[in-house]
């Protein structure tokens, strides 16, 4: 009886198990890159990175938000929960980008859909 139960459980688990040729090992990420040439890192942090971070607060399924501000460049990486659809995450980010108040002439861009595990395979 126990053997039959384990066999049926194994068959059901095997049928529901997702199988990919190259499984994605990393959670979904969205990267926002903004250039503001000719401005110091402190200005970029205060006038570009901070408003974008505030606009991204409260995005559904957001787990980690990391940013770096360099001379003329702001880079924000948003990491979402494992079960989040990548396209849903990008759509939420695009909707929130419109809420950020940025200096004139500054237009944030979203990096193409990518997976960090692709670097390992390459």
N, C-alpha and C. Protein backbone atom coordinates (compact mmCIF):
# COMPACT_ATOMS: atom_id res chain seq x y z
N UNK A 1 0.84 -1.19 0.00
CA UNK A 1 0.00 0.00 0.00
C UNK A 1 0.89 1.26 0.00
N UNK A 2 1.93 1.24 0.82
CA UNK A 2 2.83 2.38 0.89
C UNK A 2 3.57 2.58 -0.44
N UNK A 3 3.98 1.52 -1.07
CA UNK A 3 4.67 1.60 -2.36
C UNK A 3 3.74 2.19 -3.43
N UNK A 4 2.49 1.79 -3.43
CA UNK A 4 1.52 2.32 -4.40
C UNK A 4 1.30 3.82 -4.17
N UNK A 5 1.22 4.23 -2.91
CA UNK A 5 1.01 5.64 -2.58
C UNK A 5 2.21 6.49 -3.04
N UNK A 6 3.41 6.01 -2.79
CA UNK A 6 4.61 6.74 -3.20
C UNK A 6 4.71 6.79 -4.72
N UNK A 7 4.35 5.72 -5.40
CA UNK A 7 4.40 5.68 -6.86
C UNK A 7 3.40 6.67 -7.47
N UNK A 8 2.19 6.70 -6.97
CA UNK A 8 1.18 7.65 -7.47
C UNK A 8 1.62 9.08 -7.18
N UNK A 9 2.15 9.34 -5.99
CA UNK A 9 2.64 10.68 -5.66
C UNK A 9 3.78 11.11 -6.56
N UNK A 10 4.68 10.18 -6.88
CA UNK A 10 5.79 10.48 -7.77
C UNK A 10 5.34 10.79 -9.18
N UNK A 11 4.37 10.04 -9.67
CA UNK A 11 3.85 10.28 -11.03
C UNK A 11 3.17 11.64 -11.10
N UNK A 12 2.37 11.98 -10.11
CA UNK A 12 1.70 13.29 -10.10
C UNK A 12 2.71 14.43 -10.00
N UNK A 13 3.72 14.27 -9.19
CA UNK A 13 4.75 15.30 -9.05
C UNK A 13 5.53 15.47 -10.35
N UNK A 14 5.84 14.37 -11.01
CA UNK A 14 6.59 14.43 -12.26
C UNK A 14 5.78 15.14 -13.36
N UNK A 15 4.47 14.94 -13.39
CA UNK A 15 3.63 15.59 -14.40
C UNK A 15 3.53 17.09 -14.18
N UNK A 16 3.59 17.54 -12.96
CA UNK A 16 3.45 18.97 -12.64
C UNK A 16 4.78 19.71 -12.59
N UNK A 17 5.88 18.99 -12.68
CA UNK A 17 7.20 19.61 -12.57
C UNK A 17 7.55 20.35 -13.86
N UNK A 18 7.90 21.66 -13.76
CA UNK A 18 8.30 22.39 -14.97
C UNK A 18 9.70 21.96 -15.40
N UNK A 19 9.84 21.67 -16.68
CA UNK A 19 11.12 21.23 -17.22
C UNK A 19 11.52 22.19 -18.33
N UNK A 20 12.69 22.78 -18.21
CA UNK A 20 13.23 23.69 -19.22
C UNK A 20 14.59 23.17 -19.66
N UNK A 21 14.93 23.44 -20.91
CA UNK A 21 16.25 23.07 -21.40
C UNK A 21 17.32 23.87 -20.66
N UNK A 22 17.07 25.16 -20.47
CA UNK A 22 17.97 26.04 -19.73
C UNK A 22 17.13 26.76 -18.67
N UNK A 23 17.01 26.22 -17.49
CA UNK A 23 16.16 26.83 -16.48
C UNK A 23 16.71 28.19 -16.02
N UNK A 24 15.81 29.08 -15.70
CA UNK A 24 16.20 30.40 -15.20
C UNK A 24 16.43 30.30 -13.70
N UNK A 25 17.66 30.53 -13.29
CA UNK A 25 18.03 30.36 -11.89
C UNK A 25 17.83 31.61 -11.06
N UNK A 26 17.67 32.76 -11.70
CA UNK A 26 17.59 34.03 -11.00
C UNK A 26 16.15 34.53 -10.99
N UNK A 27 15.78 35.30 -9.98
CA UNK A 27 14.44 35.89 -9.97
C UNK A 27 14.34 36.99 -11.03
N UNK A 28 13.13 37.37 -11.41
CA UNK A 28 12.96 38.42 -12.42
C UNK A 28 13.55 39.75 -11.94
N UNK A 29 14.23 40.43 -12.85
CA UNK A 29 14.83 41.73 -12.54
C UNK A 29 14.47 42.73 -13.62
N UNK A 30 14.35 43.98 -13.19
CA UNK A 30 14.15 45.10 -14.11
C UNK A 30 15.20 46.14 -13.76
N UNK A 31 15.87 46.66 -14.78
CA UNK A 31 16.93 47.63 -14.57
C UNK A 31 16.55 48.95 -15.23
N UNK A 32 16.59 50.03 -14.45
CA UNK A 32 16.28 51.37 -14.94
C UNK A 32 17.59 52.15 -15.01
N UNK A 33 17.92 52.62 -16.20
CA UNK A 33 19.15 53.39 -16.40
C UNK A 33 18.78 54.78 -16.89
N UNK A 34 19.35 55.79 -16.24
CA UNK A 34 19.07 57.17 -16.60
C UNK A 34 20.38 57.92 -16.74
N UNK A 35 20.56 58.61 -17.85
CA UNK A 35 21.75 59.44 -18.06
C UNK A 35 21.39 60.90 -17.90
N UNK A 36 22.28 61.61 -17.22
CA UNK A 36 22.16 63.06 -17.06
C UNK A 36 23.56 63.62 -17.15
N UNK A 37 24.09 63.74 -18.36
CA UNK A 37 25.49 64.12 -18.55
C UNK A 37 25.84 65.46 -17.92
N UNK A 38 27.07 65.53 -17.40
CA UNK A 38 27.60 66.78 -16.88
C UNK A 38 27.20 67.09 -15.45
N UNK A 39 26.61 66.15 -14.74
CA UNK A 39 26.19 66.40 -13.36
C UNK A 39 26.89 65.45 -12.41
N UNK A 40 27.19 65.97 -11.23
CA UNK A 40 27.92 65.20 -10.22
C UNK A 40 27.05 64.06 -9.68
N UNK A 41 27.71 63.09 -9.08
CA UNK A 41 27.00 61.93 -8.54
C UNK A 41 25.99 62.33 -7.46
N UNK A 42 26.33 63.34 -6.66
CA UNK A 42 25.41 63.80 -5.61
C UNK A 42 24.13 64.37 -6.21
N UNK A 43 24.27 65.15 -7.29
CA UNK A 43 23.09 65.71 -7.96
C UNK A 43 22.25 64.61 -8.59
N UNK A 44 22.90 63.66 -9.21
CA UNK A 44 22.19 62.55 -9.84
C UNK A 44 21.44 61.75 -8.78
N UNK A 45 22.08 61.53 -7.64
CA UNK A 45 21.44 60.78 -6.56
C UNK A 45 20.20 61.53 -6.05
N UNK A 46 20.35 62.83 -5.79
CA UNK A 46 19.28 63.61 -5.19
C UNK A 46 18.14 63.90 -6.15
N UNK A 47 18.44 64.21 -7.41
CA UNK A 47 17.42 64.66 -8.35
C UNK A 47 16.91 63.59 -9.31
N UNK A 48 17.63 62.46 -9.43
CA UNK A 48 17.20 61.41 -10.37
C UNK A 48 16.94 60.10 -9.64
N UNK A 49 17.95 59.59 -8.94
CA UNK A 49 17.80 58.27 -8.31
C UNK A 49 16.74 58.26 -7.22
N UNK A 50 16.77 59.24 -6.35
CA UNK A 50 15.82 59.28 -5.24
C UNK A 50 14.36 59.39 -5.71
N UNK A 51 14.02 60.30 -6.65
CA UNK A 51 12.63 60.32 -7.13
C UNK A 51 12.20 59.02 -7.81
N UNK A 52 13.12 58.37 -8.53
CA UNK A 52 12.78 57.10 -9.16
C UNK A 52 12.56 56.01 -8.11
N UNK A 53 13.39 56.00 -7.08
CA UNK A 53 13.22 55.02 -6.01
C UNK A 53 11.90 55.23 -5.28
N UNK A 54 11.55 56.48 -5.02
CA UNK A 54 10.28 56.77 -4.36
C UNK A 54 9.10 56.36 -5.23
N UNK A 55 9.21 56.54 -6.54
CA UNK A 55 8.14 56.14 -7.45
C UNK A 55 7.99 54.62 -7.50
N UNK A 56 9.08 53.90 -7.32
CA UNK A 56 9.06 52.43 -7.40
C UNK A 56 8.64 51.77 -6.09
N UNK A 57 8.62 52.51 -4.99
CA UNK A 57 8.19 51.94 -3.72
C UNK A 57 6.74 51.48 -3.84
N UNK A 58 6.48 50.29 -3.39
CA UNK A 58 5.12 49.76 -3.41
C UNK A 58 4.76 48.99 -4.66
N UNK A 59 5.73 48.75 -5.55
CA UNK A 59 5.46 47.93 -6.73
C UNK A 59 5.15 46.51 -6.24
N UNK A 60 4.09 45.89 -6.76
CA UNK A 60 3.75 44.54 -6.28
C UNK A 60 4.88 43.53 -6.51
N UNK A 61 5.10 42.68 -5.55
CA UNK A 61 6.07 41.58 -5.57
C UNK A 61 7.52 42.05 -5.59
N UNK A 62 7.78 43.32 -5.30
CA UNK A 62 9.15 43.82 -5.26
C UNK A 62 9.83 43.31 -3.99
N UNK A 63 11.02 42.71 -4.16
CA UNK A 63 11.76 42.15 -3.03
C UNK A 63 12.93 43.04 -2.66
N UNK A 64 13.75 43.42 -3.64
CA UNK A 64 14.95 44.22 -3.39
C UNK A 64 15.05 45.32 -4.43
N UNK A 65 15.44 46.52 -3.95
CA UNK A 65 15.72 47.64 -4.84
C UNK A 65 17.12 48.15 -4.51
N UNK A 66 18.00 48.13 -5.52
CA UNK A 66 19.38 48.62 -5.33
C UNK A 66 19.65 49.67 -6.37
N UNK A 67 20.39 50.69 -5.97
CA UNK A 67 20.73 51.75 -6.92
C UNK A 67 22.17 52.19 -6.74
N UNK A 68 22.69 52.74 -7.82
CA UNK A 68 24.02 53.33 -7.79
C UNK A 68 23.96 54.60 -8.62
N UNK A 69 24.58 55.65 -8.11
CA UNK A 69 24.63 56.92 -8.82
C UNK A 69 26.09 57.27 -9.07
N UNK A 70 26.40 57.48 -10.31
CA UNK A 70 27.75 57.85 -10.72
C UNK A 70 27.69 59.21 -11.40
N UNK A 71 28.83 59.66 -11.87
CA UNK A 71 28.89 60.93 -12.58
C UNK A 71 28.03 60.85 -13.85
N UNK A 72 26.88 61.51 -13.84
CA UNK A 72 26.00 61.56 -15.01
C UNK A 72 25.19 60.31 -15.27
N UNK A 73 25.16 59.36 -14.32
CA UNK A 73 24.46 58.09 -14.55
C UNK A 73 23.77 57.60 -13.28
N UNK A 74 22.53 57.16 -13.44
CA UNK A 74 21.78 56.54 -12.36
C UNK A 74 21.36 55.15 -12.83
N UNK A 75 21.60 54.14 -11.99
CA UNK A 75 21.25 52.77 -12.32
C UNK A 75 20.50 52.16 -11.14
N UNK A 76 19.27 51.73 -11.39
CA UNK A 76 18.44 51.14 -10.34
C UNK A 76 18.06 49.73 -10.78
N UNK A 77 18.31 48.75 -9.91
CA UNK A 77 17.96 47.35 -10.20
C UNK A 77 16.87 46.92 -9.25
N UNK A 78 15.76 46.47 -9.81
CA UNK A 78 14.63 45.99 -9.04
C UNK A 78 14.56 44.47 -9.18
N UNK A 79 14.54 43.77 -8.06
CA UNK A 79 14.44 42.32 -8.05
C UNK A 79 13.08 41.94 -7.49
N UNK A 80 12.38 41.05 -8.20
CA UNK A 80 11.02 40.67 -7.83
C UNK A 80 11.00 39.24 -7.29
N UNK A 81 9.89 38.86 -6.69
CA UNK A 81 9.72 37.51 -6.15
C UNK A 81 9.83 36.48 -7.28
N UNK A 82 10.22 35.27 -6.92
CA UNK A 82 10.47 34.22 -7.91
C UNK A 82 9.28 33.91 -8.80
N UNK A 83 8.08 33.94 -8.27
CA UNK A 83 6.91 33.55 -9.05
C UNK A 83 6.30 34.70 -9.85
N UNK A 84 6.97 35.84 -9.91
CA UNK A 84 6.45 37.00 -10.63
C UNK A 84 6.77 36.88 -12.11
N UNK A 85 5.77 37.18 -12.94
CA UNK A 85 5.97 37.17 -14.39
C UNK A 85 6.85 38.38 -14.78
N UNK A 86 7.84 38.14 -15.62
CA UNK A 86 8.77 39.21 -16.00
C UNK A 86 8.05 40.35 -16.72
N UNK A 87 7.09 40.02 -17.55
CA UNK A 87 6.36 41.05 -18.29
C UNK A 87 5.45 41.86 -17.36
N UNK A 88 4.89 41.22 -16.35
CA UNK A 88 4.09 41.94 -15.36
C UNK A 88 4.96 42.92 -14.59
N UNK A 89 6.15 42.48 -14.20
CA UNK A 89 7.07 43.35 -13.45
C UNK A 89 7.46 44.56 -14.29
N UNK A 90 7.78 44.33 -15.57
CA UNK A 90 8.15 45.44 -16.44
C UNK A 90 6.98 46.41 -16.63
N UNK A 91 5.77 45.88 -16.77
CA UNK A 91 4.59 46.74 -16.94
C UNK A 91 4.38 47.62 -15.72
N UNK A 92 4.54 47.06 -14.53
CA UNK A 92 4.39 47.84 -13.30
C UNK A 92 5.44 48.94 -13.22
N UNK A 93 6.66 48.63 -13.63
CA UNK A 93 7.73 49.64 -13.61
C UNK A 93 7.43 50.75 -14.62
N UNK A 94 6.99 50.39 -15.82
CA UNK A 94 6.64 51.41 -16.81
C UNK A 94 5.53 52.32 -16.32
N UNK A 95 4.53 51.75 -15.63
CA UNK A 95 3.43 52.57 -15.11
C UNK A 95 3.91 53.52 -14.03
N UNK A 96 4.86 53.07 -13.20
CA UNK A 96 5.35 53.92 -12.11
C UNK A 96 6.35 54.97 -12.58
N UNK A 97 7.01 54.74 -13.71
CA UNK A 97 7.98 55.73 -14.21
C UNK A 97 7.33 57.07 -14.50
N UNK A 98 6.08 57.05 -14.93
CA UNK A 98 5.37 58.29 -15.24
C UNK A 98 5.13 59.14 -13.99
N UNK A 99 5.13 58.51 -12.81
CA UNK A 99 4.87 59.24 -11.56
C UNK A 99 6.09 59.98 -11.02
N UNK A 100 7.27 59.66 -11.51
CA UNK A 100 8.50 60.28 -11.00
C UNK A 100 8.66 61.68 -11.57
N UNK A 101 9.00 62.63 -10.71
CA UNK A 101 9.27 64.00 -11.15
C UNK A 101 10.77 64.16 -11.30
N UNK A 102 11.20 64.27 -12.54
CA UNK A 102 12.62 64.36 -12.85
C UNK A 102 12.93 65.71 -13.48
N UNK A 103 14.20 66.13 -13.47
CA UNK A 103 14.58 67.39 -14.11
C UNK A 103 14.28 67.35 -15.62
N UNK A 104 14.13 68.51 -16.20
CA UNK A 104 13.83 68.56 -17.63
C UNK A 104 15.00 68.01 -18.44
N UNK A 105 14.67 67.28 -19.48
CA UNK A 105 15.69 66.68 -20.33
C UNK A 105 16.19 65.33 -19.86
N UNK A 106 15.67 64.83 -18.75
CA UNK A 106 16.09 63.53 -18.22
C UNK A 106 14.99 62.52 -18.53
N UNK A 107 15.37 61.45 -19.25
CA UNK A 107 14.40 60.41 -19.61
C UNK A 107 14.96 59.05 -19.19
N UNK A 108 14.32 58.41 -18.20
CA UNK A 108 14.80 57.10 -17.78
C UNK A 108 14.47 56.04 -18.83
N UNK A 109 15.31 55.04 -18.90
CA UNK A 109 15.09 53.93 -19.82
C UNK A 109 15.15 52.61 -19.09
N UNK A 110 14.41 51.65 -19.58
CA UNK A 110 14.38 50.32 -18.97
C UNK A 110 15.21 49.39 -19.85
N UNK A 111 16.09 48.64 -19.22
CA UNK A 111 16.96 47.72 -19.95
C UNK A 111 16.12 46.61 -20.58
N UNK A 112 16.62 46.01 -21.65
CA UNK A 112 15.90 44.90 -22.28
C UNK A 112 15.70 43.75 -21.30
N UNK A 113 14.71 42.92 -21.60
CA UNK A 113 14.42 41.77 -20.77
C UNK A 113 15.61 40.81 -20.81
N UNK A 114 16.18 40.53 -19.65
CA UNK A 114 17.36 39.68 -19.58
C UNK A 114 17.31 38.84 -18.32
N UNK A 115 18.19 37.87 -18.26
CA UNK A 115 18.33 37.04 -17.09
C UNK A 115 19.80 36.97 -16.70
N UNK A 116 20.13 37.19 -15.44
CA UNK A 116 21.53 37.09 -15.03
C UNK A 116 22.13 35.71 -15.27
N UNK A 117 21.30 34.68 -15.28
CA UNK A 117 21.85 33.35 -15.51
C UNK A 117 22.29 33.18 -16.96
N UNK A 118 21.85 34.05 -17.87
CA UNK A 118 22.31 34.01 -19.25
C UNK A 118 23.80 34.25 -19.35
N UNK A 119 24.35 35.04 -18.45
CA UNK A 119 25.80 35.29 -18.43
C UNK A 119 26.56 34.01 -18.10
N UNK A 120 26.00 33.19 -17.23
CA UNK A 120 26.64 31.94 -16.87
C UNK A 120 26.65 31.00 -18.08
N UNK A 121 25.55 30.91 -18.80
CA UNK A 121 25.47 30.04 -19.95
C UNK A 121 26.39 30.50 -21.07
N UNK A 122 26.53 31.81 -21.21
CA UNK A 122 27.39 32.36 -22.27
C UNK A 122 28.84 32.05 -21.94
